[in-house]
């Protein structure tokens, strides 16, 4: 797993609470909502132009500019300036996920001609929040800074009504992740999350494939959501959901749903056109 912890920040909980309270009143962007099963939201703190409404990422090579929202959050601004190399920072966003939601397993940067070095700082979390990378599962702890290799298949979920809130920053893709982090506590010695997931069995697989009896255009999105969450509870690669979904549609004998599944996998794992959204 190339994803790894880079350091730890001692958060000022009183100042952080004030900024999180302000964010709770903010209208978050629906950009990239196709990637979510449930409530997944983001808002820009710094981007290419400083314009709040510019809420999707493109490759550019200038330091990120604070948006009006970013300028209104003094503690989060201080965290960015104190703990990161802002000269190589291209974007900074708040990512909020909650209420039994997950991100569909995917790879990032497919629609771009380069990639970023993506780093997460955990602002609010609980033990019902998890991340995955291929067949591995892990929990990002409060105040931890992680490098996320978003070019690999990955996902994230919160199975709690309490929002999980991360400060996510994208840096020039040529930067080594360790070089964009400043003033953190090193090294981290905590034991990473034990994999307590159940074994994936043929019986479980046959239960999943039994969805072929009911799958339809009307419930396709709900079935995608069910399949996208299974790898958080069973020891299986996050990419496996696409094979299950294709076989479900094949057994149903629905050519349109098979084609939709092929497009879904292409969009999330193989290739995307800039500005394209799946709309499944």
Foldseek 3Di string as FASTA:
>chain_A
DPKDFQFFDDDPVVLLVVLVVVVVPDDFDCPPVLQKDADKTKWWQWADPLDRPPDDHADDAAFTDGHPSNVVRVVVVVCPVAWFDRRFWHTKMKMKAADFMKTQFFAPPQQYPAFWFKKKAWDDDDPQKWKDFFQDIWDDDHRIMMTDNRRGGMMITGNHRDMTIIIMITGHRVDDVNVGTHDGDDDDDDDIDDQPAAEDDVVNLVVLLVCLVPDDPVCLSVNSRVLQCNSSRYRGTSLCSLVSQLSSVVSNVPPVSNVLSVVVCCCGYNHDHVPDRSPD
